Amino acid sequence: MSASAARRAQGRSYGAERTLTSLVGLLGVLAGAGALVVGMGWLGQFRGHRPVLDPIAVGWLGDHALYARIGAVVLGLLLLVFGLWWFFRSLRPERRPDLKLDETIGAELTVTAGALANAVQTDAESVDGVTRARVRSVGTVADPALRITLWLAEGAEVRRVWEDLDAYVLTRARESLGVETLPTAVRLELDTTGSARVR
């Protein structure tokens, strides 16, 4: 069982978003620190008293106004495209991979993510003490994983539910898929339709 598959079972990964946010924050801190160092005169009093917009740079932009405008437009368009790409990437649904059990030409066998989730959900709801279940197939084709939410009935024994889930439901899923490991994150909820008393 790979660590990445286990993390995917626990929840959707936002590593890319965190990395980008961290980089932007780091660049902001570095820019602020650089401005502070220059403003305090630690790099010389002359640099500290110079205007924010360097006169040489302003003069160059004035002499090459057309190229500066073109560069600004191109940079703006690139940032816009990147921003839109990142926005829709963040909103896209989590992948639910289909599992290809046999890729032999003419005898292909594929288990869809929905079929796998429904089968495991049906088995989980048959466990004594479980009133309903919700199952999602997540991960990748190479490293499938499950995310299960169970609602427990009044008086259900958590230890017994957990043992039955592992011994019956998950074991059957692993045997059906022909895999030795199937990372699974399980969340237990109290069924609010009745009094909440779970042992």
N, C-alpha and C. Protein backbone atom coordinates (compact mmCIF):
# COMPACT_ATOMS: atom_id res chain seq x y z
N MET A 1 0.85 -1.19 0.00
CA MET A 1 0.00 0.00 0.00
C MET A 1 0.88 1.24 0.00
N SER A 2 0.71 2.08 -0.98
CA SER A 2 1.51 3.29 -1.06
C SER A 2 0.95 4.36 -0.14
N ALA A 3 1.84 5.23 0.33
CA ALA A 3 1.40 6.31 1.23
C ALA A 3 0.47 7.27 0.52
N SER A 4 0.71 7.49 -0.78
CA SER A 4 -0.15 8.41 -1.53
C SER A 4 -1.57 7.88 -1.64
N ALA A 5 -1.71 6.57 -1.82
CA ALA A 5 -3.05 5.98 -1.90
C ALA A 5 -3.77 6.11 -0.57
N ALA A 6 -3.06 5.93 0.53
CA ALA A 6 -3.67 6.08 1.85
C ALA A 6 -4.13 7.51 2.08
N ARG A 7 -3.33 8.48 1.63
CA ARG A 7 -3.73 9.89 1.79
C ARG A 7 -4.94 10.20 0.93
N ARG A 8 -5.00 9.64 -0.27
CA ARG A 8 -6.17 9.88 -1.12
C ARG A 8 -7.43 9.31 -0.52
N ALA A 9 -7.30 8.18 0.20
CA ALA A 9 -8.47 7.59 0.84
C ALA A 9 -9.00 8.51 1.94
N GLN A 10 -8.11 9.17 2.65
CA GLN A 10 -8.53 10.02 3.76
C GLN A 10 -9.22 11.29 3.28
N GLY A 11 -8.83 11.81 2.15
CA GLY A 11 -9.45 13.03 1.66
C GLY A 11 -8.76 13.51 0.40
N ARG A 12 -9.44 14.39 -0.29
CA ARG A 12 -8.89 14.93 -1.53
C ARG A 12 -7.62 15.73 -1.24
N SER A 13 -6.62 15.51 -2.05
CA SER A 13 -5.35 16.20 -1.86
C SER A 13 -5.39 17.61 -2.45
N TYR A 14 -4.92 18.55 -1.65
CA TYR A 14 -4.79 19.93 -2.11
C TYR A 14 -3.33 20.36 -2.05
N GLY A 15 -2.44 19.39 -2.30
CA GLY A 15 -1.01 19.68 -2.22
C GLY A 15 -0.56 20.73 -3.21
N ALA A 16 -1.09 20.68 -4.45
CA ALA A 16 -0.69 21.66 -5.45
C ALA A 16 -1.13 23.05 -5.05
N GLU A 17 -2.36 23.18 -4.53
CA GLU A 17 -2.85 24.49 -4.10
C GLU A 17 -2.02 25.04 -2.94
N ARG A 18 -1.68 24.16 -2.00
CA ARG A 18 -0.86 24.60 -0.86
C ARG A 18 0.52 25.01 -1.32
N THR A 19 1.09 24.27 -2.27
CA THR A 19 2.42 24.60 -2.77
C THR A 19 2.43 25.96 -3.45
N LEU A 20 1.43 26.22 -4.31
CA LEU A 20 1.37 27.51 -4.99
C LEU A 20 1.17 28.65 -4.00
N THR A 21 0.27 28.44 -3.03
CA THR A 21 0.04 29.47 -2.02
C THR A 21 1.30 29.74 -1.22
N SER A 22 2.03 28.68 -0.87
CA SER A 22 3.27 28.85 -0.12
C SER A 22 4.31 29.61 -0.92
N LEU A 23 4.42 29.30 -2.22
CA LEU A 23 5.40 30.00 -3.07
C LEU A 23 5.04 31.48 -3.20
N VAL A 24 3.76 31.78 -3.41
CA VAL A 24 3.35 33.18 -3.52
C VAL A 24 3.62 33.90 -2.21
N GLY A 25 3.30 33.26 -1.09
CA GLY A 25 3.57 33.87 0.21
C GLY A 25 5.06 34.09 0.45
N LEU A 26 5.88 33.09 0.04
CA LEU A 26 7.33 33.22 0.20
C LEU A 26 7.87 34.38 -0.63
N LEU A 27 7.39 34.50 -1.88
CA LEU A 27 7.82 35.61 -2.73
C LEU A 27 7.41 36.95 -2.11
N GLY A 28 6.21 37.01 -1.54
CA GLY A 28 5.77 38.24 -0.89
C GLY A 28 6.64 38.60 0.31
N VAL A 29 6.99 37.59 1.10
CA VAL A 29 7.85 37.84 2.27
C VAL A 29 9.23 38.31 1.83
N LEU A 30 9.78 37.66 0.80
CA LEU A 30 11.11 38.06 0.32
C LEU A 30 11.09 39.48 -0.25
N ALA A 31 10.02 39.81 -1.00
CA ALA A 31 9.92 41.16 -1.54
C ALA A 31 9.80 42.19 -0.41
N GLY A 32 9.00 41.88 0.59
CA GLY A 32 8.87 42.79 1.73
C GLY A 32 10.17 42.94 2.50
N ALA A 33 10.88 41.82 2.69
CA ALA A 33 12.16 41.88 3.39
C ALA A 33 13.17 42.69 2.61
N GLY A 34 13.19 42.51 1.26
CA GLY A 34 14.11 43.29 0.43
C GLY A 34 13.81 44.77 0.49
N ALA A 35 12.52 45.13 0.44
CA ALA A 35 12.15 46.54 0.54
C ALA A 35 12.53 47.12 1.90
N LEU A 36 12.38 46.33 2.95
CA LEU A 36 12.75 46.79 4.28
C LEU A 36 14.25 47.02 4.40
N VAL A 37 15.03 46.08 3.86
CA VAL A 37 16.49 46.21 3.92
C VAL A 37 16.96 47.45 3.17
N VAL A 38 16.39 47.68 1.98
CA VAL A 38 16.78 48.85 1.21
C VAL A 38 16.32 50.13 1.88
N GLY A 39 15.07 50.13 2.38
CA GLY A 39 14.52 51.33 3.02
C GLY A 39 15.26 51.72 4.29
N MET A 40 15.76 50.73 5.03
CA MET A 40 16.49 51.01 6.27
C MET A 40 17.91 51.49 5.99
N GLY A 41 18.33 51.44 4.73
CA GLY A 41 19.67 51.91 4.39
C GLY A 41 20.77 50.93 4.67
N TRP A 42 20.41 49.65 4.85
CA TRP A 42 21.43 48.65 5.15
C TRP A 42 22.30 48.35 3.94
N LEU A 43 21.83 48.70 2.75
CA LEU A 43 22.63 48.52 1.54
C LEU A 43 23.21 49.85 1.07
N GLY A 44 23.21 50.83 1.95
CA GLY A 44 23.74 52.14 1.60
C GLY A 44 22.64 53.19 1.62
N GLN A 45 22.98 54.39 2.10
CA GLN A 45 21.98 55.46 2.19
C GLN A 45 21.49 55.90 0.82
N PHE A 46 22.35 55.83 -0.19
CA PHE A 46 21.95 56.27 -1.53
C PHE A 46 20.81 55.41 -2.06
N ARG A 47 20.94 54.08 -1.88
CA ARG A 47 19.88 53.20 -2.36
C ARG A 47 18.59 53.43 -1.58
N GLY A 48 18.71 53.72 -0.29
CA GLY A 48 17.53 53.92 0.53
C GLY A 48 16.75 55.17 0.15
N HIS A 49 17.40 56.18 -0.43
CA HIS A 49 16.73 57.43 -0.79
C HIS A 49 16.30 57.48 -2.25
N ARG A 50 16.62 56.45 -3.01
CA ARG A 50 16.21 56.43 -4.40
C ARG A 50 14.71 56.17 -4.50
N PRO A 51 14.03 56.67 -5.52
CA PRO A 51 12.60 56.42 -5.69
C PRO A 51 12.33 54.95 -5.95
N VAL A 52 11.09 54.54 -5.66
CA VAL A 52 10.73 53.14 -5.86
C VAL A 52 10.89 52.74 -7.32
N LEU A 53 10.40 53.59 -8.22
CA LEU A 53 10.59 53.34 -9.65
C LEU A 53 11.92 53.93 -10.09
N ASP A 54 12.83 53.05 -10.43
CA ASP A 54 14.17 53.48 -10.81
C ASP A 54 14.09 54.41 -12.03
N PRO A 55 14.71 55.61 -11.95
CA PRO A 55 14.67 56.54 -13.10
C PRO A 55 15.21 55.94 -14.38
N ILE A 56 16.24 55.10 -14.26
CA ILE A 56 16.80 54.48 -15.46
C ILE A 56 15.76 53.56 -16.11
N ALA A 57 15.06 52.75 -15.26
CA ALA A 57 14.04 51.85 -15.79
C ALA A 57 12.88 52.64 -16.38
N VAL A 58 12.48 53.73 -15.69
CA VAL A 58 11.38 54.55 -16.21
C VAL A 58 11.77 55.18 -17.54
N GLY A 59 13.01 55.63 -17.65
CA GLY A 59 13.48 56.21 -18.91
C GLY A 59 13.50 55.19 -20.03
N TRP A 60 13.93 53.99 -19.71
CA TRP A 60 13.97 52.94 -20.74
C TRP A 60 12.56 52.61 -21.22
N LEU A 61 11.60 52.53 -20.28
CA LEU A 61 10.22 52.25 -20.65
C LEU A 61 9.65 53.38 -21.51
N GLY A 62 10.03 54.61 -21.19
CA GLY A 62 9.55 55.73 -21.99
C GLY A 62 10.10 55.70 -23.41
N ASP A 63 11.35 55.26 -23.55
CA ASP A 63 11.96 55.18 -24.88
C ASP A 63 11.46 54.00 -25.70
N HIS A 64 10.95 52.98 -25.01
CA HIS A 64 10.46 51.78 -25.69
C HIS A 64 9.02 51.52 -25.27
N ALA A 65 8.18 52.53 -25.38
CA ALA A 65 6.80 52.43 -24.89
C ALA A 65 6.02 51.33 -25.60
N LEU A 66 6.20 51.18 -26.91
CA LEU A 66 5.44 50.18 -27.65
C LEU A 66 5.77 48.77 -27.16
N TYR A 67 7.07 48.48 -27.03
CA TYR A 67 7.46 47.15 -26.57
C TYR A 67 7.02 46.91 -25.13
N ALA A 68 7.04 47.96 -24.32
CA ALA A 68 6.61 47.82 -22.93
C ALA A 68 5.12 47.49 -22.86
N ARG A 69 4.32 48.16 -23.70
CA ARG A 69 2.88 47.87 -23.72
C ARG A 69 2.61 46.46 -24.19
N ILE A 70 3.31 46.05 -25.25
CA ILE A 70 3.12 44.69 -25.76
C ILE A 70 3.49 43.66 -24.70
N GLY A 71 4.61 43.90 -24.04
CA GLY A 71 5.03 42.98 -22.97
C GLY A 71 4.03 42.93 -21.83
N ALA A 72 3.47 44.10 -21.46
CA ALA A 72 2.49 44.13 -20.38
C ALA A 72 1.22 43.38 -20.77
N VAL A 73 0.78 43.56 -22.02
CA VAL A 73 -0.43 42.87 -22.49
C VAL A 73 -0.21 41.36 -22.51
N VAL A 74 0.95 40.93 -23.04
CA VAL A 74 1.24 39.50 -23.10
C VAL A 74 1.32 38.91 -21.70
N LEU A 75 1.99 39.61 -20.79
CA LEU A 75 2.10 39.12 -19.42
C LEU A 75 0.72 39.04 -18.76
N GLY A 76 -0.11 40.05 -19.01
CA GLY A 76 -1.45 40.03 -18.44
C GLY A 76 -2.28 38.87 -18.96
N LEU A 77 -2.18 38.60 -20.27
CA LEU A 77 -2.92 37.48 -20.85
C LEU A 77 -2.43 36.14 -20.29
N LEU A 78 -1.12 36.01 -20.14
CA LEU A 78 -0.58 34.77 -19.58
C LEU A 78 -1.07 34.57 -18.15
N LEU A 79 -1.06 35.63 -17.35
CA LEU A 79 -1.56 35.51 -15.98
C LEU A 79 -3.04 35.18 -15.95
N LEU A 80 -3.80 35.77 -16.89
CA LEU A 80 -5.23 35.48 -16.96
C LEU A 80 -5.48 34.02 -17.30
N VAL A 81 -4.77 33.51 -18.31
CA VAL A 81 -4.93 32.11 -18.69
C VAL A 81 -4.53 31.18 -17.56
N PHE A 82 -3.41 31.50 -16.91
CA PHE A 82 -2.96 30.67 -15.79
C PHE A 82 -3.98 30.71 -14.65
N GLY A 83 -4.51 31.87 -14.35
CA GLY A 83 -5.50 31.99 -13.28
C GLY A 83 -6.77 31.21 -13.58
N LEU A 84 -7.25 31.30 -14.82
CA LEU A 84 -8.45 30.55 -15.19
C LEU A 84 -8.19 29.05 -15.15
N TRP A 85 -7.03 28.63 -15.64
CA TRP A 85 -6.68 27.21 -15.60
C TRP A 85 -6.65 26.70 -14.16
N TRP A 86 -6.02 27.46 -13.28
CA TRP A 86 -5.92 27.05 -11.88
C TRP A 86 -7.29 27.05 -11.21
N PHE A 87 -8.14 28.01 -11.57
CA PHE A 87 -9.48 28.10 -11.00
C PHE A 87 -10.30 26.87 -11.35
N PHE A 88 -10.34 26.50 -12.63
CA PHE A 88 -11.13 25.35 -13.04
C PHE A 88 -10.49 24.04 -12.58
N ARG A 89 -9.16 24.03 -12.44
CA ARG A 89 -8.50 22.84 -11.92
C ARG A 89 -8.90 22.59 -10.48
N SER A 90 -9.02 23.66 -9.70
CA SER A 90 -9.40 23.52 -8.30
C SER A 90 -10.86 23.07 -8.14
N LEU A 91 -11.70 23.44 -9.11
CA LEU A 91 -13.12 23.11 -9.02
C LEU A 91 -13.49 21.76 -9.63
N ARG A 92 -12.56 21.15 -10.35
CA ARG A 92 -12.92 19.92 -11.04
C ARG A 92 -13.21 18.82 -10.02
N PRO A 93 -14.14 17.93 -10.35
CA PRO A 93 -14.50 16.84 -9.43
C PRO A 93 -13.32 15.90 -9.18
N GLU A 94 -13.36 15.27 -8.04
CA GLU A 94 -12.32 14.30 -7.71
C GLU A 94 -12.44 13.09 -8.63
N ARG A 95 -11.31 12.58 -9.06
CA ARG A 95 -11.30 11.45 -9.98
C ARG A 95 -11.86 10.19 -9.32
N ARG A 96 -12.68 9.47 -10.08
CA ARG A 96 -13.19 8.18 -9.63
C ARG A 96 -12.80 7.14 -10.68
N PRO A 97 -11.63 6.55 -10.50
CA PRO A 97 -11.08 5.69 -11.57
C PRO A 97 -11.81 4.36 -11.70
N ASP A 98 -11.97 3.92 -12.93
CA ASP A 98 -12.45 2.57 -13.20
C ASP A 98 -11.26 1.61 -13.10
N LEU A 99 -11.53 0.41 -12.62
CA LEU A 99 -10.46 -0.56 -12.40
C LEU A 99 -10.44 -1.58 -13.54
N LYS A 100 -9.32 -1.68 -14.23
CA LYS A 100 -9.16 -2.64 -15.32
C LYS A 100 -8.56 -3.92 -14.76
N LEU A 101 -9.42 -4.92 -14.54
CA LEU A 101 -8.96 -6.18 -13.96
C LEU A 101 -8.28 -7.07 -14.99
N ASP A 102 -8.68 -6.94 -16.25
CA ASP A 102 -8.08 -7.77 -17.31
C ASP A 102 -8.01 -6.91 -18.57
N GLU A 103 -6.81 -6.70 -19.08
CA GLU A 103 -6.62 -5.89 -20.27
C GLU A 103 -6.31 -6.74 -21.50
N THR A 104 -6.58 -8.03 -21.42
CA THR A 104 -6.35 -8.91 -22.56
C THR A 104 -7.26 -8.50 -23.71
N ILE A 105 -6.70 -8.36 -24.89
CA ILE A 105 -7.48 -7.94 -26.06
C ILE A 105 -8.57 -8.97 -26.35
N GLY A 106 -9.79 -8.48 -26.43
CA GLY A 106 -10.92 -9.36 -26.68
C GLY A 106 -11.57 -9.90 -25.44
N ALA A 107 -10.91 -9.75 -24.30
CA ALA A 107 -11.47 -10.25 -23.03
C ALA A 107 -11.28 -9.22 -21.92
N GLU A 108 -11.42 -7.95 -22.31
CA GLU A 108 -11.23 -6.89 -21.33
C GLU A 108 -12.28 -6.96 -20.23
N LEU A 109 -11.85 -6.71 -19.02
CA LEU A 109 -12.76 -6.70 -17.87
C LEU A 109 -12.49 -5.44 -17.04
N THR A 110 -13.48 -4.57 -16.98
CA THR A 110 -13.34 -3.31 -16.26
C THR A 110 -14.47 -3.17 -15.25
N VAL A 111 -14.10 -2.82 -14.04
CA VAL A 111 -15.09 -2.55 -12.99
C VAL A 111 -15.18 -1.04 -12.83
N THR A 112 -16.34 -0.48 -13.09
CA THR A 112 -16.50 0.97 -12.99
C THR A 112 -16.46 1.40 -11.53
N ALA A 113 -16.09 2.65 -11.33
CA ALA A 113 -16.02 3.18 -9.97
C ALA A 113 -17.37 3.14 -9.30
N GLY A 114 -18.44 3.43 -10.07
CA GLY A 114 -19.78 3.40 -9.50
C GLY A 114 -20.20 2.01 -9.08
N ALA A 115 -19.86 1.00 -9.90
CA ALA A 115 -20.22 -0.38 -9.57
C ALA A 115 -19.49 -0.84 -8.31
N LEU A 116 -18.21 -0.49 -8.20
CA LEU A 116 -17.45 -0.86 -7.02
C LEU A 116 -18.03 -0.20 -5.77
N ALA A 117 -18.34 1.09 -5.87
CA ALA A 117 -18.88 1.81 -4.72
C ALA A 117 -20.23 1.25 -4.31
N ASN A 118 -21.08 0.93 -5.28
CA ASN A 118 -22.41 0.39 -4.96
C ASN A 118 -22.31 -0.98 -4.31
N ALA A 119 -21.39 -1.82 -4.80
CA ALA A 119 -21.23 -3.16 -4.23
C ALA A 119 -20.76 -3.09 -2.78
N VAL A 120 -19.76 -2.25 -2.54
CA VAL A 120 -19.25 -2.11 -1.17
C VAL A 120 -20.30 -1.47 -0.28
N GLN A 121 -21.06 -0.53 -0.80
CA GLN A 121 -22.11 0.12 -0.01
C GLN A 121 -23.18 -0.89 0.40
N THR A 122 -23.58 -1.75 -0.54
CA THR A 122 -24.57 -2.77 -0.22
C THR A 122 -24.08 -3.70 0.87
N ASP A 123 -22.81 -4.13 0.77
CA ASP A 123 -22.25 -5.01 1.80
C ASP A 123 -22.15 -4.28 3.14
N ALA A 124 -21.76 -3.03 3.11
CA ALA A 124 -21.60 -2.29 4.36
C ALA A 124 -22.95 -2.08 5.05
N GLU A 125 -24.00 -1.86 4.28
CA GLU A 125 -25.32 -1.64 4.88
C GLU A 125 -25.91 -2.92 5.45
N SER A 126 -25.33 -4.08 5.08
CA SER A 126 -25.80 -5.35 5.64
C SER A 126 -25.14 -5.67 6.97
N VAL A 127 -24.15 -4.89 7.37
CA VAL A 127 -23.48 -5.11 8.65
C VAL A 127 -24.42 -4.74 9.78
N ASP A 128 -24.49 -5.58 10.78
CA ASP A 128 -25.36 -5.34 11.93
C ASP A 128 -24.95 -4.06 12.66
N GLY A 129 -25.91 -3.17 12.82
CA GLY A 129 -25.64 -1.91 13.50
C GLY A 129 -25.49 -0.73 12.56
N VAL A 130 -25.40 -1.00 11.26
CA VAL A 130 -25.26 0.07 10.27
C VAL A 130 -26.63 0.32 9.62
N THR A 131 -27.09 1.57 9.69
CA THR A 131 -28.39 1.90 9.09
C THR A 131 -28.24 2.30 7.63
N ARG A 132 -27.18 2.97 7.31
CA ARG A 132 -26.92 3.34 5.91
C ARG A 132 -25.44 3.62 5.73
N ALA A 133 -25.01 3.61 4.50
CA ALA A 133 -23.59 3.81 4.20
C ALA A 133 -23.45 4.61 2.92
N ARG A 134 -22.31 5.28 2.80
CA ARG A 134 -21.96 5.99 1.58
C ARG A 134 -20.52 5.64 1.24
N VAL A 135 -20.30 5.23 0.01
CA VAL A 135 -18.97 4.76 -0.41
C VAL A 135 -18.55 5.50 -1.67
N ARG A 136 -17.30 5.91 -1.71
CA ARG A 136 -16.73 6.53 -2.90
C ARG A 136 -15.44 5.81 -3.27
N SER A 137 -15.31 5.55 -4.55
CA SER A 137 -14.08 4.98 -5.05
C SER A 137 -13.17 6.12 -5.49
N VAL A 138 -11.98 6.20 -4.91
CA VAL A 138 -11.06 7.29 -5.19
C VAL A 138 -9.69 6.71 -5.52
N GLY A 139 -8.72 7.58 -5.66
CA GLY A 139 -7.36 7.15 -5.97
C GLY A 139 -7.10 7.14 -7.46
N THR A 140 -6.28 6.20 -7.89
CA THR A 140 -5.93 6.06 -9.30
C THR A 140 -6.15 4.62 -9.73
N VAL A 141 -6.00 4.39 -11.03
CA VAL A 141 -6.15 3.02 -11.54
C VAL A 141 -5.09 2.12 -10.93
N ALA A 142 -3.89 2.63 -10.76
CA ALA A 142 -2.81 1.82 -10.19
C ALA A 142 -2.96 1.64 -8.68
N ASP A 143 -3.49 2.67 -8.00
CA ASP A 143 -3.64 2.63 -6.55
C ASP A 143 -5.07 3.01 -6.18
N PRO A 144 -6.02 2.07 -6.30
CA PRO A 144 -7.40 2.38 -5.92
C PRO A 144 -7.55 2.49 -4.41
N ALA A 145 -8.54 3.23 -3.98
CA ALA A 145 -8.80 3.41 -2.55
C ALA A 145 -10.29 3.64 -2.37
N LEU A 146 -10.75 3.48 -1.14
CA LEU A 146 -12.15 3.66 -0.81
C LEU A 146 -12.31 4.68 0.31
N ARG A 147 -13.41 5.40 0.25
CA ARG A 147 -13.78 6.32 1.32
C ARG A 147 -15.20 5.96 1.75
N ILE A 148 -15.34 5.51 2.99
CA ILE A 148 -16.62 4.98 3.48
C ILE A 148 -17.12 5.81 4.66
N THR A 149 -18.40 6.16 4.61
CA THR A 149 -19.06 6.80 5.73
C THR A 149 -20.20 5.89 6.18
N LEU A 150 -20.21 5.55 7.47
CA LEU A 150 -21.23 4.67 8.02
C LEU A 150 -22.07 5.42 9.04
N TRP A 151 -23.38 5.24 8.96
CA TRP A 151 -24.28 5.78 9.98
C TRP A 151 -24.73 4.61 10.85
N LEU A 152 -24.50 4.75 12.17
CA LEU A 152 -24.76 3.67 13.10
C LEU A 152 -26.12 3.81 13.76
N ALA A 153 -26.76 2.67 14.00
CA ALA A 153 -28.07 2.66 14.63
C ALA A 153 -27.92 2.80 16.14
N GLU A 154 -29.03 3.03 16.80
CA GLU A 154 -29.03 3.14 18.26
C GLU A 154 -28.54 1.83 18.88
N GLY A 155 -27.62 1.95 19.82
CA GLY A 155 -27.11 0.78 20.51
C GLY A 155 -26.07 -0.02 19.75
N ALA A 156 -25.62 0.46 18.61
CA ALA A 156 -24.63 -0.28 17.83
C ALA A 156 -23.30 -0.33 18.57
N GLU A 157 -22.63 -1.46 18.45
CA GLU A 157 -21.32 -1.63 19.06
C GLU A 157 -20.25 -1.30 18.02
N VAL A 158 -19.53 -0.23 18.27
CA VAL A 158 -18.55 0.24 17.30
C VAL A 158 -17.49 -0.82 17.01
N ARG A 159 -17.02 -1.50 18.05
CA ARG A 159 -15.99 -2.52 17.85
C ARG A 159 -16.49 -3.65 16.95
N ARG A 160 -17.74 -4.06 17.16
CA ARG A 160 -18.31 -5.13 16.36
C ARG A 160 -18.50 -4.68 14.91
N VAL A 161 -18.97 -3.46 14.73
CA VAL A 161 -19.14 -2.93 13.38
C VAL A 161 -17.80 -2.89 12.66
N TRP A 162 -16.78 -2.42 13.36
CA TRP A 162 -15.45 -2.31 12.75
C TRP A 162 -14.91 -3.68 12.36
N GLU A 163 -15.07 -4.66 13.23
CA GLU A 163 -14.58 -6.00 12.93
C GLU A 163 -15.31 -6.62 11.74
N ASP A 164 -16.65 -6.45 11.70
CA ASP A 164 -17.41 -6.99 10.58
C ASP A 164 -17.06 -6.28 9.27
N LEU A 165 -16.83 -4.99 9.35
CA LEU A 165 -16.47 -4.23 8.16
C LEU A 165 -15.16 -4.74 7.57
N ASP A 166 -14.19 -4.98 8.43
CA ASP A 166 -12.88 -5.43 7.95
C ASP A 166 -12.92 -6.88 7.52
N ALA A 167 -13.58 -7.73 8.30
CA ALA A 167 -13.56 -9.16 8.02
C ALA A 167 -14.47 -9.55 6.87
N TYR A 168 -15.55 -8.83 6.67
CA TYR A 168 -16.50 -9.21 5.63
C TYR A 168 -16.48 -8.27 4.43
N VAL A 169 -16.75 -7.01 4.66
CA VAL A 169 -16.92 -6.07 3.55
C VAL A 169 -15.61 -5.83 2.81
N LEU A 170 -14.59 -5.39 3.54
CA LEU A 170 -13.33 -5.03 2.88
C LEU A 170 -12.59 -6.26 2.36
N THR A 171 -12.65 -7.35 3.09
CA THR A 171 -12.01 -8.58 2.60
C THR A 171 -12.65 -9.05 1.31
N ARG A 172 -13.98 -8.97 1.24
CA ARG A 172 -14.67 -9.37 0.02
C ARG A 172 -14.31 -8.44 -1.14
N ALA A 173 -14.18 -7.16 -0.87
CA ALA A 173 -13.81 -6.21 -1.92
C ALA A 173 -12.41 -6.50 -2.45
N ARG A 174 -11.47 -6.76 -1.53
CA ARG A 174 -10.11 -7.07 -1.96
C ARG A 174 -10.05 -8.36 -2.78
N GLU A 175 -10.79 -9.38 -2.33
CA GLU A 175 -10.79 -10.66 -3.06
C GLU A 175 -11.44 -10.51 -4.42
N SER A 176 -12.50 -9.72 -4.51
CA SER A 176 -13.19 -9.53 -5.79
C SER A 176 -12.30 -8.80 -6.79
N LEU A 177 -11.52 -7.84 -6.29
CA LEU A 177 -10.66 -7.07 -7.18
C LEU A 177 -9.31 -7.74 -7.41
N GLY A 178 -9.01 -8.76 -6.62
CA GLY A 178 -7.74 -9.46 -6.78
C GLY A 178 -6.55 -8.65 -6.32
N VAL A 179 -6.74 -7.83 -5.28
CA VAL A 179 -5.65 -7.02 -4.74
C VAL A 179 -5.40 -7.42 -3.29
N GLU A 180 -4.15 -7.25 -2.86
CA GLU A 180 -3.82 -7.59 -1.48
C GLU A 180 -4.16 -6.47 -0.51
N THR A 181 -4.06 -5.23 -0.99
CA THR A 181 -4.35 -4.09 -0.13
C THR A 181 -5.33 -3.16 -0.84
N LEU A 182 -6.22 -2.57 -0.06
CA LEU A 182 -7.18 -1.61 -0.58
C LEU A 182 -7.34 -0.51 0.47
N PRO A 183 -6.52 0.54 0.37
CA PRO A 183 -6.58 1.61 1.38
C PRO A 183 -8.01 2.14 1.54
N THR A 184 -8.44 2.23 2.78
CA THR A 184 -9.82 2.64 3.05
C THR A 184 -9.85 3.58 4.25
N ALA A 185 -10.53 4.70 4.07
CA ALA A 185 -10.77 5.63 5.17
C ALA A 185 -12.23 5.47 5.59
N VAL A 186 -12.46 5.23 6.87
CA VAL A 186 -13.81 4.98 7.39
C VAL A 186 -14.19 6.09 8.35
N ARG A 187 -15.36 6.65 8.12
CA ARG A 187 -15.90 7.68 9.01
C ARG A 187 -17.20 7.18 9.60
N LEU A 188 -17.34 7.28 10.92
CA LEU A 188 -18.52 6.81 11.62
C LEU A 188 -19.37 7.99 12.06
N GLU A 189 -20.67 7.90 11.78
CA GLU A 189 -21.61 8.95 12.15
C GLU A 189 -22.73 8.33 12.96
N LEU A 190 -23.34 9.12 13.84
CA LEU A 190 -24.50 8.67 14.58
C LEU A 190 -25.75 8.97 13.77
N ASP A 191 -26.62 7.99 13.66
CA ASP A 191 -27.87 8.19 12.93
C ASP A 191 -28.79 9.07 13.78
N THR A 192 -29.09 10.25 13.28
CA THR A 192 -29.88 11.22 14.06
C THR A 192 -31.36 10.95 14.02
N THR A 193 -31.78 9.89 13.31
CA THR A 193 -33.22 9.59 13.27
C THR A 193 -33.71 9.03 14.59
N GLY A 194 -32.78 8.51 15.38
CA GLY A 194 -33.13 7.97 16.69
C GLY A 194 -32.26 8.56 17.75
N SER A 195 -32.37 8.08 18.97
CA SER A 195 -31.52 8.58 20.06
C SER A 195 -30.10 8.14 19.81
N ALA A 196 -29.16 9.02 20.07
CA ALA A 196 -27.74 8.74 19.79
C ALA A 196 -27.13 8.02 20.97
N ARG A 197 -27.12 6.69 20.92
CA ARG A 197 -26.50 5.90 21.98
C ARG A 197 -25.70 4.79 21.34
N VAL A 198 -24.40 5.03 21.23
CA VAL A 198 -23.51 4.06 20.57
C VAL A 198 -22.46 3.63 21.56
N ARG A 199 -22.25 2.32 21.67
CA ARG A 199 -21.26 1.81 22.60
C ARG A 199 -19.95 1.55 21.88
